[in-house]
Amino acid sequence: MRAIIEEARVMDLQYGHLFDDVIVNSSLDQCVVQLSMLCDKLRTEPQWVPVQWLGKQPSSLLANQNQD
């Protein structure tokens, strides 16, 4: 059990900045509720990613960037 806790701590230190939320699998009911809340949040709140992640930029986006 200590090894699992230590591995989780190390993973959190190395990769925690890449995640917005963590679901701990302690109770199926709690996990389902938390997952549902996160899905609702994703569906209702605006999301942001760098434009470079979207692939080729449409010409309208390029024109707007040049004006800024």
N, C-alpha and C. Protein backbone atom coordinates (compact mmCIF):
# COMPACT_ATOMS: atom_id res chain seq x y z
N MET A 1 0.82 -1.19 0.00
CA MET A 1 0.00 0.00 0.00
C MET A 1 0.87 1.26 0.00
N ARG A 2 1.95 1.23 0.76
CA ARG A 2 2.85 2.39 0.78
C ARG A 2 3.48 2.65 -0.58
N ALA A 3 3.81 1.57 -1.28
CA ALA A 3 4.40 1.72 -2.62
C ALA A 3 3.41 2.38 -3.57
N ILE A 4 2.14 2.00 -3.49
CA ILE A 4 1.11 2.59 -4.35
C ILE A 4 0.96 4.08 -4.04
N ILE A 5 0.94 4.41 -2.77
CA ILE A 5 0.81 5.82 -2.37
C ILE A 5 2.01 6.62 -2.85
N GLU A 6 3.19 6.06 -2.72
CA GLU A 6 4.40 6.75 -3.17
C GLU A 6 4.40 6.92 -4.69
N GLU A 7 3.98 5.90 -5.43
CA GLU A 7 3.90 6.01 -6.89
C GLU A 7 2.90 7.08 -7.29
N ALA A 8 1.78 7.15 -6.60
CA ALA A 8 0.77 8.17 -6.90
C ALA A 8 1.33 9.56 -6.64
N ARG A 9 2.09 9.72 -5.57
CA ARG A 9 2.70 11.01 -5.25
C ARG A 9 3.69 11.43 -6.34
N VAL A 10 4.50 10.49 -6.79
CA VAL A 10 5.48 10.78 -7.83
C VAL A 10 4.78 11.14 -9.14
N MET A 11 3.75 10.38 -9.49
CA MET A 11 2.99 10.68 -10.71
C MET A 11 2.36 12.06 -10.64
N ASP A 12 1.83 12.40 -9.46
CA ASP A 12 1.22 13.71 -9.30
C ASP A 12 2.25 14.82 -9.47
N LEU A 13 3.43 14.63 -8.91
CA LEU A 13 4.49 15.63 -9.06
C LEU A 13 4.93 15.79 -10.51
N GLN A 14 5.03 14.68 -11.22
CA GLN A 14 5.53 14.72 -12.60
C GLN A 14 4.46 15.16 -13.60
N TYR A 15 3.22 14.74 -13.40
CA TYR A 15 2.19 14.93 -14.42
C TYR A 15 0.96 15.69 -13.94
N GLY A 16 0.91 16.05 -12.67
CA GLY A 16 -0.27 16.69 -12.12
C GLY A 16 -0.67 17.97 -12.83
N HIS A 17 0.31 18.70 -13.35
CA HIS A 17 0.02 19.96 -14.04
C HIS A 17 -0.73 19.75 -15.36
N LEU A 18 -0.79 18.53 -15.84
CA LEU A 18 -1.46 18.25 -17.11
C LEU A 18 -2.94 17.94 -16.95
N PHE A 19 -3.41 17.85 -15.72
CA PHE A 19 -4.79 17.44 -15.46
C PHE A 19 -5.53 18.49 -14.65
N ASP A 20 -6.80 18.68 -14.96
CA ASP A 20 -7.64 19.63 -14.23
C ASP A 20 -8.27 18.99 -13.01
N ASP A 21 -8.57 17.70 -13.07
CA ASP A 21 -9.25 17.01 -11.99
C ASP A 21 -8.71 15.59 -11.85
N VAL A 22 -8.95 15.03 -10.68
CA VAL A 22 -8.56 13.65 -10.39
C VAL A 22 -9.76 12.94 -9.80
N ILE A 23 -10.07 11.78 -10.34
CA ILE A 23 -11.14 10.95 -9.79
C ILE A 23 -10.48 9.80 -9.05
N VAL A 24 -10.76 9.71 -7.75
CA VAL A 24 -10.21 8.65 -6.92
C VAL A 24 -11.23 7.52 -6.87
N ASN A 25 -10.79 6.34 -7.24
CA ASN A 25 -11.68 5.19 -7.33
C ASN A 25 -11.87 4.55 -5.95
N SER A 26 -12.56 5.27 -5.07
CA SER A 26 -12.79 4.74 -3.73
C SER A 26 -14.20 4.19 -3.58
N SER A 27 -15.13 4.74 -4.33
CA SER A 27 -16.52 4.30 -4.29
C SER A 27 -17.11 4.49 -5.68
N LEU A 28 -17.74 3.46 -6.19
CA LEU A 28 -18.32 3.56 -7.53
C LEU A 28 -19.35 4.67 -7.60
N ASP A 29 -20.19 4.80 -6.59
CA ASP A 29 -21.20 5.85 -6.58
C ASP A 29 -20.57 7.24 -6.63
N GLN A 30 -19.54 7.45 -5.82
CA GLN A 30 -18.86 8.76 -5.81
C GLN A 30 -18.17 9.03 -7.14
N CYS A 31 -17.57 8.01 -7.73
CA CYS A 31 -16.89 8.18 -9.02
C CYS A 31 -17.88 8.56 -10.11
N VAL A 32 -19.03 7.91 -10.13
CA VAL A 32 -20.04 8.21 -11.15
C VAL A 32 -20.55 9.64 -10.98
N VAL A 33 -20.80 10.06 -9.74
CA VAL A 33 -21.26 11.42 -9.49
C VAL A 33 -20.20 12.42 -9.93
N GLN A 34 -18.96 12.19 -9.55
CA GLN A 34 -17.88 13.12 -9.91
C GLN A 34 -17.68 13.17 -11.42
N LEU A 35 -17.71 12.02 -12.07
CA LEU A 35 -17.56 11.98 -13.52
C LEU A 35 -18.70 12.70 -14.22
N SER A 36 -19.91 12.53 -13.73
CA SER A 36 -21.06 13.23 -14.31
C SER A 36 -20.91 14.74 -14.17
N MET A 37 -20.45 15.17 -13.01
CA MET A 37 -20.25 16.61 -12.80
C MET A 37 -19.18 17.16 -13.73
N LEU A 38 -18.10 16.40 -13.93
CA LEU A 38 -17.04 16.84 -14.84
C LEU A 38 -17.53 16.89 -16.29
N CYS A 39 -18.34 15.91 -16.68
CA CYS A 39 -18.90 15.92 -18.04
C CYS A 39 -19.82 17.11 -18.25
N ASP A 40 -20.64 17.42 -17.25
CA ASP A 40 -21.51 18.60 -17.35
C ASP A 40 -20.67 19.87 -17.47
N LYS A 41 -19.60 19.93 -16.69
CA LYS A 41 -18.71 21.10 -16.73
C LYS A 41 -18.09 21.25 -18.13
N LEU A 42 -17.65 20.15 -18.71
CA LEU A 42 -17.08 20.20 -20.07
C LEU A 42 -18.10 20.64 -21.10
N ARG A 43 -19.34 20.21 -20.90
CA ARG A 43 -20.40 20.53 -21.86
C ARG A 43 -20.85 21.98 -21.74
N THR A 44 -20.80 22.56 -20.54
CA THR A 44 -21.38 23.88 -20.34
C THR A 44 -20.38 25.02 -20.26
N GLU A 45 -19.12 24.73 -19.93
CA GLU A 45 -18.14 25.80 -19.80
C GLU A 45 -17.26 25.87 -21.04
N PRO A 46 -16.85 27.09 -21.42
CA PRO A 46 -15.97 27.22 -22.58
C PRO A 46 -14.64 26.51 -22.35
N GLN A 47 -14.11 25.94 -23.42
CA GLN A 47 -12.83 25.25 -23.35
C GLN A 47 -11.83 26.04 -24.19
N TRP A 48 -10.57 25.93 -23.83
CA TRP A 48 -9.52 26.66 -24.53
C TRP A 48 -8.38 25.73 -24.87
N VAL A 49 -7.89 25.83 -26.09
CA VAL A 49 -6.67 25.15 -26.51
C VAL A 49 -5.90 26.12 -27.39
N PRO A 50 -4.58 26.02 -27.43
CA PRO A 50 -3.81 26.88 -28.35
C PRO A 50 -4.23 26.62 -29.80
N VAL A 51 -4.29 27.66 -30.58
CA VAL A 51 -4.73 27.54 -31.96
C VAL A 51 -3.82 26.59 -32.75
N GLN A 52 -2.57 26.48 -32.36
CA GLN A 52 -1.64 25.59 -33.06
C GLN A 52 -2.07 24.12 -32.93
N TRP A 53 -2.77 23.77 -31.86
CA TRP A 53 -3.22 22.40 -31.67
C TRP A 53 -4.32 22.03 -32.67
N LEU A 54 -4.94 23.02 -33.28
CA LEU A 54 -6.06 22.77 -34.18
C LEU A 54 -5.62 22.42 -35.59
N GLY A 55 -4.34 22.44 -35.85
CA GLY A 55 -3.85 22.11 -37.19
C GLY A 55 -3.72 23.36 -38.03
N LYS A 56 -4.03 23.24 -39.30
CA LYS A 56 -3.93 24.38 -40.20
C LYS A 56 -4.89 25.47 -39.78
N GLN A 57 -4.40 26.69 -39.80
CA GLN A 57 -5.21 27.82 -39.39
C GLN A 57 -6.01 28.34 -40.59
N PRO A 58 -7.30 28.54 -40.41
CA PRO A 58 -8.08 29.16 -41.49
C PRO A 58 -7.55 30.57 -41.77
N SER A 59 -7.71 31.03 -42.98
CA SER A 59 -7.18 32.33 -43.37
C SER A 59 -7.79 33.45 -42.54
N SER A 60 -9.04 33.31 -42.09
CA SER A 60 -9.66 34.36 -41.28
C SER A 60 -8.94 34.50 -39.94
N LEU A 61 -8.48 33.41 -39.37
CA LEU A 61 -7.74 33.49 -38.11
C LEU A 61 -6.39 34.17 -38.33
N LEU A 62 -5.74 33.85 -39.43
CA LEU A 62 -4.45 34.46 -39.74
C LEU A 62 -4.61 35.96 -39.92
N ALA A 63 -5.69 36.38 -40.59
CA ALA A 63 -5.92 37.82 -40.81
C ALA A 63 -6.14 38.53 -39.48
N ASN A 64 -6.88 37.90 -38.56
CA ASN A 64 -7.11 38.50 -37.25
C ASN A 64 -5.84 38.60 -36.44
N GLN A 65 -4.95 37.64 -36.56
CA GLN A 65 -3.69 37.67 -35.82
C GLN A 65 -2.82 38.82 -36.31
N ASN A 66 -2.83 39.08 -37.61
CA ASN A 66 -2.00 40.15 -38.16
C ASN A 66 -2.47 41.53 -37.73
N GLN A 67 -3.75 41.66 -37.37
CA GLN A 67 -4.30 42.95 -36.97
C GLN A 67 -3.94 43.29 -35.52
N ASP A 68 -3.64 42.28 -34.69
CA ASP A 68 -3.36 42.51 -33.26
C ASP A 68 -2.00 43.06 -33.00
